[in-house]
Amino acid sequence: MPFPEHPILFWLWVAAAVATTVYQGWRYVCAVRSRPRFTKDETVFQEWFASGNSRKNLLTRIGGARNCLRLVVTRDFLWVTTWFPISLFATFYDLEHVIPLSSITSVQPKRFLGR
């Protein structure tokens, strides 16, 4: 036990780790259930190794994805997702989205370190 003089701290740490793991698993299952169903014929464009981050809060801005986002554009929506094992953390960093194309008003390209 790492905290022999404070066993309560050890068990609080274990409980927090288990709760976080269960929460992440639940968010992952919810994200998988909300994924759209479509055929290859409906795909207009697909980017396999995109980069980006969410601007939802400070944590999601820091936790961006570099070359591990997958973008799928169909006639009706834009689907933003990630590859395994990053997909386990995608919902935590707000990287899993299904966006109707009618709700997209503008697109702004950004550069990262001159790329």
PDB file of N, CA and C in Angstrom:
ATOM      1  N   MET A   1       0.848  -1.174   0.000  1.00  0.00           N
ATOM      2  CA  MET A   1       0.000   0.000   0.000  1.00  0.00           C
ATOM      3  C   MET A   1       0.897   1.242   0.000  1.00  0.00           C
ATOM      4  N   PRO A   2       0.684   2.193  -0.917  1.00  0.00           N
ATOM      5  CA  PRO A   2       1.562   3.352  -1.018  1.00  0.00           C
ATOM      6  C   PRO A   2       1.473   4.312   0.166  1.00  0.00           C
ATOM      7  N   PHE A   3       0.346   4.325   0.880  1.00  0.00           N
ATOM      8  CA  PHE A   3       0.174   5.233   2.024  1.00  0.00           C
ATOM      9  C   PHE A   3      -0.060   4.409   3.294  1.00  0.00           C
ATOM     10  N   PRO A   4       0.969   3.724   3.841  1.00  0.00           N
ATOM     11  CA  PRO A   4       0.733   2.848   4.995  1.00  0.00           C
ATOM     12  C   PRO A   4       0.270   3.612   6.227  1.00  0.00           C
ATOM     13  N   GLU A   5       0.701   4.856   6.383  1.00  0.00           N
ATOM     14  CA  GLU A   5       0.272   5.615   7.558  1.00  0.00           C
ATOM     15  C   GLU A   5      -1.091   6.287   7.345  1.00  0.00           C
ATOM     16  N   HIS A   6      -1.555   6.349   6.087  1.00  0.00           N
ATOM     17  CA  HIS A   6      -2.853   6.961   5.777  1.00  0.00           C
ATOM     18  C   HIS A   6      -3.637   6.056   4.818  1.00  0.00           C
ATOM     19  N   PRO A   7      -4.153   4.941   5.293  1.00  0.00           N
ATOM     20  CA  PRO A   7      -4.861   4.025   4.389  1.00  0.00           C
ATOM     21  C   PRO A   7      -6.128   4.643   3.796  1.00  0.00           C
ATOM     22  N   ILE A   8      -6.728   5.594   4.482  1.00  0.00           N
ATOM     23  CA  ILE A   8      -7.946   6.212   3.957  1.00  0.00           C
ATOM     24  C   ILE A   8      -7.653   6.991   2.680  1.00  0.00           C
ATOM     25  N   LEU A   9      -6.460   7.621   2.605  1.00  0.00           N
ATOM     26  CA  LEU A   9      -6.066   8.336   1.387  1.00  0.00           C
ATOM     27  C   LEU A   9      -5.913   7.372   0.214  1.00  0.00           C
ATOM     28  N   PHE A  10      -5.346   6.217   0.495  1.00  0.00           N
ATOM     29  CA  PHE A  10      -5.188   5.216  -0.554  1.00  0.00           C
ATOM     30  C   PHE A  10      -6.545   4.795  -1.105  1.00  0.00           C
ATOM     31  N   TRP A  11      -7.490   4.491  -0.224  1.00  0.00           N
ATOM     32  CA  TRP A  11      -8.797   4.024  -0.681  1.00  0.00           C
ATOM     33  C   TRP A  11      -9.599   5.138  -1.348  1.00  0.00           C
ATOM     34  N   LEU A  12      -9.406   6.374  -0.933  1.00  0.00           N
ATOM     35  CA  LEU A  12     -10.045   7.496  -1.635  1.00  0.00           C
ATOM     36  C   LEU A  12      -9.488   7.633  -3.048  1.00  0.00           C
ATOM     37  N   TRP A  13      -8.177   7.459  -3.183  1.00  0.00           N
ATOM     38  CA  TRP A  13      -7.552   7.524  -4.495  1.00  0.00           C
ATOM     39  C   TRP A  13      -8.061   6.397  -5.393  1.00  0.00           C
ATOM     40  N   VAL A  14      -8.165   5.188  -4.848  1.00  0.00           N
ATOM     41  CA  VAL A  14      -8.678   4.046  -5.615  1.00  0.00           C
ATOM     42  C   VAL A  14     -10.124   4.294  -6.032  1.00  0.00           C
ATOM     43  N   ALA A  15     -10.958   4.804  -5.132  1.00  0.00           N
ATOM     44  CA  ALA A  15     -12.355   5.091  -5.452  1.00  0.00           C
ATOM     45  C   ALA A  15     -12.458   6.149  -6.549  1.00  0.00           C
ATOM     46  N   ALA A  16     -11.618   7.174  -6.483  1.00  0.00           N
ATOM     47  CA  ALA A  16     -11.631   8.216  -7.514  1.00  0.00           C
ATOM     48  C   ALA A  16     -11.201   7.652  -8.866  1.00  0.00           C
ATOM     49  N   ALA A  17     -10.198   6.787  -8.878  1.00  0.00           N
ATOM     50  CA  ALA A  17      -9.737   6.185 -10.133  1.00  0.00           C
ATOM     51  C   ALA A  17     -10.813   5.286 -10.736  1.00  0.00           C
ATOM     52  N   VAL A  18     -11.483   4.500  -9.914  1.00  0.00           N
ATOM     53  CA  VAL A  18     -12.554   3.625 -10.401  1.00  0.00           C
ATOM     54  C   VAL A  18     -13.721   4.457 -10.926  1.00  0.00           C
ATOM     55  N   ALA A  19     -14.105   5.505 -10.198  1.00  0.00           N
ATOM     56  CA  ALA A  19     -15.208   6.361 -10.637  1.00  0.00           C
ATOM     57  C   ALA A  19     -14.887   7.037 -11.964  1.00  0.00           C
ATOM     58  N   THR A  20     -13.667   7.498 -12.126  1.00  0.00           N
ATOM     59  CA  THR A  20     -13.265   8.134 -13.383  1.00  0.00           C
ATOM     60  C   THR A  20     -13.292   7.141 -14.536  1.00  0.00           C
ATOM     61  N   THR A  21     -12.822   5.929 -14.307  1.00  0.00           N
ATOM     62  CA  THR A  21     -12.828   4.902 -15.343  1.00  0.00           C
ATOM     63  C   THR A  21     -14.247   4.529 -15.746  1.00  0.00           C
ATOM     64  N   VAL A  22     -15.133   4.375 -14.785  1.00  0.00           N
ATOM     65  CA  VAL A  22     -16.532   4.048 -15.080  1.00  0.00           C
ATOM     66  C   VAL A  22     -17.189   5.183 -15.860  1.00  0.00           C
ATOM     67  N   TYR A  23     -16.938   6.417 -15.462  1.00  0.00           N
ATOM     68  CA  TYR A  23     -17.503   7.578 -16.156  1.00  0.00           C
ATOM     69  C   TYR A  23     -17.009   7.642 -17.601  1.00  0.00           C
ATOM     70  N   GLN A  24     -15.706   7.441 -17.809  1.00  0.00           N
ATOM     71  CA  GLN A  24     -15.157   7.451 -19.166  1.00  0.00           C
ATOM     72  C   GLN A  24     -15.767   6.331 -20.006  1.00  0.00           C
ATOM     73  N   GLY A  25     -15.935   5.153 -19.443  1.00  0.00           N
ATOM     74  CA  GLY A  25     -16.557   4.048 -20.158  1.00  0.00           C
ATOM     75  C   GLY A  25     -17.991   4.344 -20.539  1.00  0.00           C
ATOM     76  N   TRP A  26     -18.736   4.946 -19.639  1.00  0.00           N
ATOM     77  CA  TRP A  26     -20.125   5.309 -19.919  1.00  0.00           C
ATOM     78  C   TRP A  26     -20.202   6.342 -21.044  1.00  0.00           C
ATOM     79  N   ARG A  27     -19.330   7.347 -21.018  1.00  0.00           N
ATOM     80  CA  ARG A  27     -19.316   8.366 -22.078  1.00  0.00           C
ATOM     81  C   ARG A  27     -18.934   7.744 -23.421  1.00  0.00           C
ATOM     82  N   TYR A  28     -18.018   6.783 -23.415  1.00  0.00           N
ATOM     83  CA  TYR A  28     -17.614   6.108 -24.648  1.00  0.00           C
ATOM     84  C   TYR A  28     -18.780   5.315 -25.232  1.00  0.00           C
ATOM     85  N   VAL A  29     -19.503   4.596 -24.399  1.00  0.00           N
ATOM     86  CA  VAL A  29     -20.657   3.824 -24.869  1.00  0.00           C
ATOM     87  C   VAL A  29     -21.723   4.753 -25.444  1.00  0.00           C
ATOM     88  N   CYS A  30     -21.976   5.877 -24.790  1.00  0.00           N
ATOM     89  CA  CYS A  30     -22.948   6.850 -25.309  1.00  0.00           C
ATOM     90  C   CYS A  30     -22.509   7.401 -26.658  1.00  0.00           C
ATOM     91  N   ALA A  31     -21.222   7.665 -26.825  1.00  0.00           N
ATOM     92  CA  ALA A  31     -20.709   8.184 -28.095  1.00  0.00           C
ATOM     93  C   ALA A  31     -20.840   7.142 -29.201  1.00  0.00           C
ATOM     94  N   VAL A  32     -20.572   5.885 -28.894  1.00  0.00           N
ATOM     95  CA  VAL A  32     -20.691   4.827 -29.896  1.00  0.00           C
ATOM     96  C   VAL A  32     -22.142   4.667 -30.325  1.00  0.00           C
ATOM     97  N   ARG A  33     -23.063   4.765 -29.400  1.00  0.00           N
ATOM     98  CA  ARG A  33     -24.484   4.640 -29.735  1.00  0.00           C
ATOM     99  C   ARG A  33     -24.983   5.778 -30.612  1.00  0.00           C
ATOM    100  N   SER A  34     -24.393   6.967 -30.474  1.00  0.00           N
ATOM    101  CA  SER A  34     -24.863   8.114 -31.249  1.00  0.00           C
ATOM    102  C   SER A  34     -24.178   8.235 -32.608  1.00  0.00           C
ATOM    103  N   ARG A  35     -23.282   7.327 -32.936  1.00  0.00           N
ATOM    104  CA  ARG A  35     -22.604   7.388 -34.232  1.00  0.00           C
ATOM    105  C   ARG A  35     -23.601   7.166 -35.359  1.00  0.00           C
ATOM    106  N   PRO A  36     -23.438   7.906 -36.442  1.00  0.00           N
ATOM    107  CA  PRO A  36     -24.382   7.772 -37.556  1.00  0.00           C
ATOM    108  C   PRO A  36     -24.148   6.488 -38.347  1.00  0.00           C
ATOM    109  N   ARG A  37     -25.193   6.026 -38.978  1.00  0.00           N
ATOM    110  CA  ARG A  37     -25.110   4.864 -39.856  1.00  0.00           C
ATOM    111  C   ARG A  37     -25.214   5.374 -41.292  1.00  0.00           C
ATOM    112  N   PHE A  38     -24.255   4.998 -42.116  1.00  0.00           N
ATOM    113  CA  PHE A  38     -24.285   5.399 -43.514  1.00  0.00           C
ATOM    114  C   PHE A  38     -23.472   4.399 -44.325  1.00  0.00           C
ATOM    115  N   THR A  39     -23.683   4.415 -45.635  1.00  0.00           N
ATOM    116  CA  THR A  39     -22.953   3.516 -46.517  1.00  0.00           C
ATOM    117  C   THR A  39     -21.787   4.262 -47.159  1.00  0.00           C
ATOM    118  N   LYS A  40     -20.892   3.528 -47.794  1.00  0.00           N
ATOM    119  CA  LYS A  40     -19.751   4.154 -48.471  1.00  0.00           C
ATOM    120  C   LYS A  40     -20.207   5.063 -49.606  1.00  0.00           C
ATOM    121  N   ASP A  41     -21.324   4.732 -50.231  1.00  0.00           N
ATOM    122  CA  ASP A  41     -21.827   5.542 -51.339  1.00  0.00           C
ATOM    123  C   ASP A  41     -22.254   6.935 -50.885  1.00  0.00           C
ATOM    124  N   GLU A  42     -22.637   7.080 -49.641  1.00  0.00           N
ATOM    125  CA  GLU A  42     -23.082   8.375 -49.126  1.00  0.00           C
ATOM    126  C   GLU A  42     -21.919   9.293 -48.755  1.00  0.00           C
ATOM    127  N   THR A  43     -20.707   8.771 -48.700  1.00  0.00           N
ATOM    128  CA  THR A  43     -19.542   9.561 -48.304  1.00  0.00           C
ATOM    129  C   THR A  43     -19.112  10.468 -49.450  1.00  0.00           C
ATOM    130  N   VAL A  44     -19.038  11.778 -49.171  1.00  0.00           N
ATOM    131  CA  VAL A  44     -18.596  12.760 -50.155  1.00  0.00           C
ATOM    132  C   VAL A  44     -17.099  13.018 -50.006  1.00  0.00           C
ATOM    133  N   PHE A  45     -16.622  13.111 -48.776  1.00  0.00           N
ATOM    134  CA  PHE A  45     -15.211  13.387 -48.493  1.00  0.00           C
ATOM    135  C   PHE A  45     -14.839  12.708 -47.184  1.00  0.00           C
ATOM    136  N   GLN A  46     -13.562  12.297 -47.105  1.00  0.00           N
ATOM    137  CA  GLN A  46     -13.087  11.667 -45.880  1.00  0.00           C
ATOM    138  C   GLN A  46     -11.620  12.041 -45.654  1.00  0.00           C
ATOM    139  N   GLU A  47     -11.326  12.546 -44.481  1.00  0.00           N
ATOM    140  CA  GLU A  47      -9.954  12.879 -44.081  1.00  0.00           C
ATOM    141  C   GLU A  47      -9.592  11.936 -42.945  1.00  0.00           C
ATOM    142  N   TRP A  48      -8.502  11.205 -43.106  1.00  0.00           N
ATOM    143  CA  TRP A  48      -8.162  10.163 -42.149  1.00  0.00           C
ATOM    144  C   TRP A  48      -7.278  10.634 -41.010  1.00  0.00           C
ATOM    145  N   PHE A  49      -6.444  11.642 -41.231  1.00  0.00           N
ATOM    146  CA  PHE A  49      -5.474  12.056 -40.213  1.00  0.00           C
ATOM    147  C   PHE A  49      -5.517  13.564 -40.014  1.00  0.00           C
ATOM    148  N   ALA A  50      -6.638  14.072 -39.582  1.00  0.00           N
ATOM    149  CA  ALA A  50      -6.798  15.505 -39.334  1.00  0.00           C
ATOM    150  C   ALA A  50      -6.362  15.837 -37.909  1.00  0.00           C
ATOM    151  N   SER A  51      -6.196  17.125 -37.658  1.00  0.00           N
ATOM    152  CA  SER A  51      -5.841  17.610 -36.322  1.00  0.00           C
ATOM    153  C   SER A  51      -6.868  18.641 -35.889  1.00  0.00           C
ATOM    154  N   GLY A  52      -7.033  18.807 -34.596  1.00  0.00           N
ATOM    155  CA  GLY A  52      -7.965  19.815 -34.108  1.00  0.00           C
ATOM    156  C   GLY A  52      -8.183  19.694 -32.617  1.00  0.00           C
ATOM    157  N   ASN A  53      -8.959  20.634 -32.098  1.00  0.00           N
ATOM    158  CA  ASN A  53      -9.336  20.593 -30.689  1.00  0.00           C
ATOM    159  C   ASN A  53     -10.674  21.287 -30.518  1.00  0.00           C
ATOM    160  N   SER A  54     -11.294  21.050 -29.390  1.00  0.00           N
ATOM    161  CA  SER A  54     -12.552  21.695 -29.052  1.00  0.00           C
ATOM    162  C   SER A  54     -12.255  23.005 -28.339  1.00  0.00           C
ATOM    163  N   ARG A  55     -13.143  23.950 -28.483  1.00  0.00           N
ATOM    164  CA  ARG A  55     -12.985  25.230 -27.811  1.00  0.00           C
ATOM    165  C   ARG A  55     -14.004  25.367 -26.679  1.00  0.00           C
ATOM    166  N   LYS A  56     -14.470  24.230 -26.182  1.00  0.00           N
ATOM    167  CA  LYS A  56     -15.506  24.205 -25.146  1.00  0.00           C
ATOM    168  C   LYS A  56     -15.026  24.793 -23.821  1.00  0.00           C
ATOM    169  N   ASN A  57     -13.841  24.411 -23.368  1.00  0.00           N
ATOM    170  CA  ASN A  57     -13.271  24.944 -22.127  1.00  0.00           C
ATOM    171  C   ASN A  57     -11.752  24.812 -22.180  1.00  0.00           C
ATOM    172  N   LEU A  58     -11.081  25.217 -21.127  1.00  0.00           N
ATOM    173  CA  LEU A  58      -9.615  25.212 -21.120  1.00  0.00           C
ATOM    174  C   LEU A  58      -9.049  23.799 -21.262  1.00  0.00           C
ATOM    175  N   LEU A  59      -9.650  22.825 -20.607  1.00  0.00           N
ATOM    176  CA  LEU A  59      -9.157  21.449 -20.684  1.00  0.00           C
ATOM    177  C   LEU A  59      -9.253  20.899 -22.105  1.00  0.00           C
ATOM    178  N   THR A  60     -10.367  21.165 -22.795  1.00  0.00           N
ATOM    179  CA  THR A  60     -10.520  20.644 -24.154  1.00  0.00           C
ATOM    180  C   THR A  60      -9.631  21.389 -25.146  1.00  0.00           C
ATOM    181  N   ARG A  61      -9.295  22.631 -24.860  1.00  0.00           N
ATOM    182  CA  ARG A  61      -8.369  23.364 -25.737  1.00  0.00           C
ATOM    183  C   ARG A  61      -6.964  22.784 -25.629  1.00  0.00           C
ATOM    184  N   ILE A  62      -6.571  22.391 -24.425  1.00  0.00           N
ATOM    185  CA  ILE A  62      -5.247  21.801 -24.221  1.00  0.00           C
ATOM    186  C   ILE A  62      -5.201  20.384 -24.790  1.00  0.00           C
ATOM    187  N   GLY A  63      -6.275  19.636 -24.643  1.00  0.00           N
ATOM    188  CA  GLY A  63      -6.300  18.231 -25.044  1.00  0.00           C
ATOM    189  C   GLY A  63      -6.705  18.016 -26.480  1.00  0.00           C
ATOM    190  N   GLY A  64      -6.062  18.667 -27.403  1.00  0.00           N
ATOM    191  CA  GLY A  64      -6.379  18.501 -28.812  1.00  0.00           C
ATOM    192  C   GLY A  64      -5.834  17.205 -29.383  1.00  0.00           C
ATOM    193  N   ALA A  65      -6.205  16.946 -30.616  1.00  0.00           N
ATOM    194  CA  ALA A  65      -5.771  15.735 -31.306  1.00  0.00           C
ATOM    195  C   ALA A  65      -4.879  16.124 -32.477  1.00  0.00           C
ATOM    196  N   ARG A  66      -3.712  15.543 -32.564  1.00  0.00           N
ATOM    197  CA  ARG A  66      -2.776  15.803 -33.659  1.00  0.00           C
ATOM    198  C   ARG A  66      -2.682  14.563 -34.546  1.00  0.00           C
ATOM    199  N   ASN A  67      -3.166  14.702 -35.757  1.00  0.00           N
ATOM    200  CA  ASN A  67      -3.123  13.639 -36.770  1.00  0.00           C
ATOM    201  C   ASN A  67      -3.839  12.362 -36.343  1.00  0.00           C
ATOM    202  N   CYS A  68      -4.874  12.471 -35.523  1.00  0.00           N
ATOM    203  CA  CYS A  68      -5.631  11.273 -35.148  1.00  0.00           C
ATOM    204  C   CYS A  68      -7.140  11.506 -35.208  1.00  0.00           C
ATOM    205  N   LEU A  69      -7.582  12.602 -35.832  1.00  0.00           N
ATOM    206  CA  LEU A  69      -9.009  12.824 -36.037  1.00  0.00           C
ATOM    207  C   LEU A  69      -9.417  12.283 -37.401  1.00  0.00           C
ATOM    208  N   ARG A  70     -10.610  11.769 -37.469  1.00  0.00           N
ATOM    209  CA  ARG A  70     -11.179  11.301 -38.731  1.00  0.00           C
ATOM    210  C   ARG A  70     -12.395  12.159 -39.026  1.00  0.00           C
ATOM    211  N   LEU A  71     -12.428  12.757 -40.202  1.00  0.00           N
ATOM    212  CA  LEU A  71     -13.549  13.586 -40.626  1.00  0.00           C
ATOM    213  C   LEU A  71     -14.250  12.891 -41.781  1.00  0.00           C
ATOM    214  N   VAL A  72     -15.558  12.733 -41.666  1.00  0.00           N
ATOM    215  CA  VAL A  72     -16.351  12.127 -42.723  1.00  0.00           C
ATOM    216  C   VAL A  72     -17.457  13.111 -43.080  1.00  0.00           C
ATOM    217  N   VAL A  73     -17.521  13.481 -44.360  1.00  0.00           N
ATOM    218  CA  VAL A  73     -18.560  14.390 -44.839  1.00  0.00           C
ATOM    219  C   VAL A  73     -19.488  13.602 -45.746  1.00  0.00           C
ATOM    220  N   THR A  74     -20.781  13.661 -45.448  1.00  0.00           N
ATOM    221  CA  THR A  74     -21.801  13.087 -46.322  1.00  0.00           C
ATOM    222  C   THR A  74     -22.654  14.238 -46.846  1.00  0.00           C
ATOM    223  N   ARG A  75     -23.713  13.928 -47.545  1.00  0.00           N
ATOM    224  CA  ARG A  75     -24.599  14.984 -48.053  1.00  0.00           C
ATOM    225  C   ARG A  75     -25.363  15.679 -46.929  1.00  0.00           C
ATOM    226  N   ASP A  76     -25.464  15.034 -45.771  1.00  0.00           N
ATOM    227  CA  ASP A  76     -26.299  15.560 -44.693  1.00  0.00           C
ATOM    228  C   ASP A  76     -25.528  16.038 -43.465  1.00  0.00           C
ATOM    229  N   PHE A  77     -24.377  15.475 -43.190  1.00  0.00           N
ATOM    230  CA  PHE A  77     -23.698  15.801 -41.935  1.00  0.00           C
ATOM    231  C   PHE A  77     -22.182  15.682 -42.058  1.00  0.00           C
ATOM    232  N   LEU A  78     -21.506  16.246 -41.052  1.00  0.00           N
ATOM    233  CA  LEU A  78     -20.061  16.103 -40.855  1.00  0.00           C
ATOM    234  C   LEU A  78     -19.880  15.289 -39.583  1.00  0.00           C
ATOM    235  N   TRP A  79     -19.135  14.212 -39.681  1.00  0.00           N
ATOM    236  CA  TRP A  79     -18.888  13.358 -38.524  1.00  0.00           C
ATOM    237  C   TRP A  79     -17.423  13.489 -38.147  1.00  0.00           C
ATOM    238  N   VAL A  80     -17.156  13.916 -36.916  1.00  0.00           N
ATOM    239  CA  VAL A  80     -15.800  14.048 -36.380  1.00  0.00           C
ATOM    240  C   VAL A  80     -15.618  12.945 -35.347  1.00  0.00           C
ATOM    241  N   THR A  81     -14.605  12.117 -35.537  1.00  0.00           N
ATOM    242  CA  THR A  81     -14.340  11.025 -34.614  1.00  0.00           C
ATOM    243  C   THR A  81     -12.830  10.791 -34.544  1.00  0.00           C
ATOM    244  N   THR A  82     -12.399   9.866 -33.715  1.00  0.00           N
ATOM    245  CA  THR A  82     -10.975   9.574 -33.556  1.00  0.00           C
ATOM    246  C   THR A  82     -10.727   8.080 -33.708  1.00  0.00           C
ATOM    247  N   TRP A  83      -9.468   7.724 -33.765  1.00  0.00           N
ATOM    248  CA  TRP A  83      -9.049   6.334 -33.866  1.00  0.00           C
ATOM    249  C   TRP A  83      -8.832   5.742 -32.473  1.00  0.00           C
ATOM    250  N   PHE A  84      -8.918   4.421 -32.385  1.00  0.00           N
ATOM    251  CA  PHE A  84      -8.608   3.717 -31.148  1.00  0.00           C
ATOM    252  C   PHE A  84      -7.100   3.777 -30.934  1.00  0.00           C
ATOM    253  N   PRO A  85      -6.595   4.000 -29.785  1.00  0.00           N
ATOM    254  CA  PRO A  85      -7.194   4.101 -28.468  1.00  0.00           C
ATOM    255  C   PRO A  85      -7.580   5.525 -28.072  1.00  0.00           C
ATOM    256  N   ILE A  86      -7.332   6.498 -28.958  1.00  0.00           N
ATOM    257  CA  ILE A  86      -7.708   7.881 -28.658  1.00  0.00           C
ATOM    258  C   ILE A  86      -9.221   7.993 -28.490  1.00  0.00           C
ATOM    259  N   SER A  87      -9.975   7.129 -29.146  1.00  0.00           N
ATOM    260  CA  SER A  87     -11.435   7.177 -29.050  1.00  0.00           C
ATOM    261  C   SER A  87     -11.929   6.950 -27.624  1.00  0.00           C
ATOM    262  N   LEU A  88     -11.120   6.323 -26.783  1.00  0.00           N
ATOM    263  CA  LEU A  88     -11.512   6.135 -25.388  1.00  0.00           C
ATOM    264  C   LEU A  88     -11.572   7.461 -24.634  1.00  0.00           C
ATOM    265  N   PHE A  89     -10.793   8.444 -25.077  1.00  0.00           N
ATOM    266  CA  PHE A  89     -10.753   9.752 -24.423  1.00  0.00           C
ATOM    267  C   PHE A  89     -11.429  10.844 -25.247  1.00  0.00           C
ATOM    268  N   ALA A  90     -11.963  10.503 -26.408  1.00  0.00           N
ATOM    269  CA  ALA A  90     -12.519  11.513 -27.317  1.00  0.00           C
ATOM    270  C   ALA A  90     -13.677  12.283 -26.699  1.00  0.00           C
ATOM    271  N   THR A  91     -14.557  11.618 -25.987  1.00  0.00           N
ATOM    272  CA  THR A  91     -15.696  12.322 -25.395  1.00  0.00           C
ATOM    273  C   THR A  91     -15.251  13.219 -24.250  1.00  0.00           C
ATOM    274  N   PHE A  92     -14.212  12.820 -23.536  1.00  0.00           N
ATOM    275  CA  PHE A  92     -13.702  13.635 -22.433  1.00  0.00           C
ATOM    276  C   PHE A  92     -13.141  14.957 -22.942  1.00  0.00           C
ATOM    277  N   TYR A  93     -12.494  14.920 -24.107  1.00  0.00           N
ATOM    278  CA  TYR A  93     -11.928  16.126 -24.707  1.00  0.00           C
ATOM    279  C   TYR A  93     -12.827  16.715 -25.792  1.00  0.00           C
ATOM    280  N   ASP A  94     -14.077  16.283 -25.839  1.00  0.00           N
ATOM    281  CA  ASP A  94     -15.084  16.834 -26.749  1.00  0.00           C
ATOM    282  C   ASP A  94     -14.637  16.719 -28.211  1.00  0.00           C
ATOM    283  N   LEU A  95     -14.183  15.537 -28.618  1.00  0.00           N
ATOM    284  CA  LEU A  95     -13.697  15.321 -29.977  1.00  0.00           C
ATOM    285  C   LEU A  95     -14.615  14.436 -30.804  1.00  0.00           C
ATOM    286  N   GLU A  96     -15.772  14.105 -30.312  1.00  0.00           N
ATOM    287  CA  GLU A  96     -16.719  13.237 -31.015  1.00  0.00           C
ATOM    288  C   GLU A  96     -17.968  14.055 -31.318  1.00  0.00           C
ATOM    289  N   HIS A  97     -18.237  14.300 -32.619  1.00  0.00           N
ATOM    290  CA  HIS A  97     -19.379  15.133 -33.007  1.00  0.00           C
ATOM    291  C   HIS A  97     -20.031  14.618 -34.279  1.00  0.00           C
ATOM    292  N   VAL A  98     -21.344  14.795 -34.359  1.00  0.00           N
ATOM    293  CA  VAL A  98     -22.102  14.626 -35.590  1.00  0.00           C
ATOM    294  C   VAL A  98     -22.786  15.966 -35.823  1.00  0.00           C
ATOM    295  N   ILE A  99     -22.371  16.675 -36.878  1.00  0.00           N
ATOM    296  CA  ILE A  99     -22.829  18.043 -37.120  1.00  0.00           C
ATOM    297  C   ILE A  99     -23.609  18.081 -38.431  1.00  0.00           C
ATOM    298  N   PRO A 100     -24.874  18.513 -38.402  1.00  0.00           N
ATOM    299  CA  PRO A 100     -25.613  18.686 -39.658  1.00  0.00           C
ATOM    300  C   PRO A 100     -24.943  19.772 -40.510  1.00  0.00           C
ATOM    301  N   LEU A 101     -24.821  19.529 -41.809  1.00  0.00           N
ATOM    302  CA  LEU A 101     -24.163  20.508 -42.679  1.00  0.00           C
ATOM    303  C   LEU A 101     -24.914  21.829 -42.717  1.00  0.00           C
ATOM    304  N   SER A 102     -26.217  21.792 -42.511  1.00  0.00           N
ATOM    305  CA  SER A 102     -27.003  23.031 -42.534  1.00  0.00           C
ATOM    306  C   SER A 102     -26.664  23.954 -41.368  1.00  0.00           C
ATOM    307  N   SER A 103     -26.057  23.430 -40.299  1.00  0.00           N
ATOM    308  CA  SER A 103     -25.719  24.273 -39.151  1.00  0.00           C
ATOM    309  C   SER A 103     -24.310  24.865 -39.236  1.00  0.00           C
ATOM    310  N   ILE A 104     -23.522  24.492 -40.236  1.00  0.00           N
ATOM    311  CA  ILE A 104     -22.170  25.037 -40.405  1.00  0.00           C
ATOM    312  C   ILE A 104     -22.276  26.346 -41.178  1.00  0.00           C
ATOM    313  N   THR A 105     -21.825  27.438 -40.552  1.00  0.00           N
ATOM    314  CA  THR A 105     -21.929  28.753 -41.187  1.00  0.00           C
ATOM    315  C   THR A 105     -20.617  29.222 -41.796  1.00  0.00           C
ATOM    316  N   SER A 106     -19.465  28.812 -41.236  1.00  0.00           N
ATOM    317  CA  SER A 106     -18.178  29.216 -41.798  1.00  0.00           C
ATOM    318  C   SER A 106     -17.101  28.220 -41.388  1.00  0.00           C
ATOM    319  N   VAL A 107     -15.997  28.261 -42.124  1.00  0.00           N
ATOM    320  CA  VAL A 107     -14.850  27.407 -41.845  1.00  0.00           C
ATOM    321  C   VAL A 107     -13.607  28.281 -41.896  1.00  0.00           C
ATOM    322  N   GLN A 108     -12.745  28.143 -40.883  1.00  0.00           N
ATOM    323  CA  GLN A 108     -11.518  28.934 -40.823  1.00  0.00           C
ATOM    324  C   GLN A 108     -10.322  28.001 -40.682  1.00  0.00           C
ATOM    325  N   PRO A 109      -9.429  27.980 -41.668  1.00  0.00           N
ATOM    326  CA  PRO A 109      -8.224  27.152 -41.518  1.00  0.00           C
ATOM    327  C   PRO A 109      -7.266  27.784 -40.518  1.00  0.00           C
ATOM    328  N   LYS A 110      -6.641  26.971 -39.713  1.00  0.00           N
ATOM    329  CA  LYS A 110      -5.647  27.425 -38.735  1.00  0.00           C
ATOM    330  C   LYS A 110      -4.349  26.684 -38.983  1.00  0.00           C
ATOM    331  N   ARG A 111      -3.232  27.339 -38.699  1.00  0.00           N
ATOM    332  CA  ARG A 111      -1.917  26.716 -38.851  1.00  0.00           C
ATOM    333  C   ARG A 111      -1.339  26.422 -37.480  1.00  0.00           C
ATOM    334  N   PHE A 112      -0.583  25.333 -37.401  1.00  0.00           N
ATOM    335  CA  PHE A 112       0.096  24.946 -36.169  1.00  0.00           C
ATOM    336  C   PHE A 112       1.584  24.867 -36.458  1.00  0.00           C
ATOM    337  N   LEU A 113       2.343  25.753 -35.866  1.00  0.00           N
ATOM    338  CA  LEU A 113       3.794  25.809 -36.052  1.00  0.00           C
ATOM    339  C   LEU A 113       4.186  25.914 -37.525  1.00  0.00           C
ATOM    340  N   GLY A 114       3.462  26.735 -38.261  1.00  0.00           N
ATOM    341  CA  GLY A 114       3.799  26.984 -39.654  1.00  0.00           C
ATOM    342  C   GLY A 114       3.358  25.937 -40.639  1.00  0.00           C
ATOM    343  N   ARG A 115       2.672  24.905 -40.192  1.00  0.00           N
ATOM    344  CA  ARG A 115       2.201  23.861 -41.113  1.00  0.00           C
ATOM    345  C   ARG A 115       0.833  24.176 -41.625  1.00  0.00           C
TER     346      ARG A 115
END
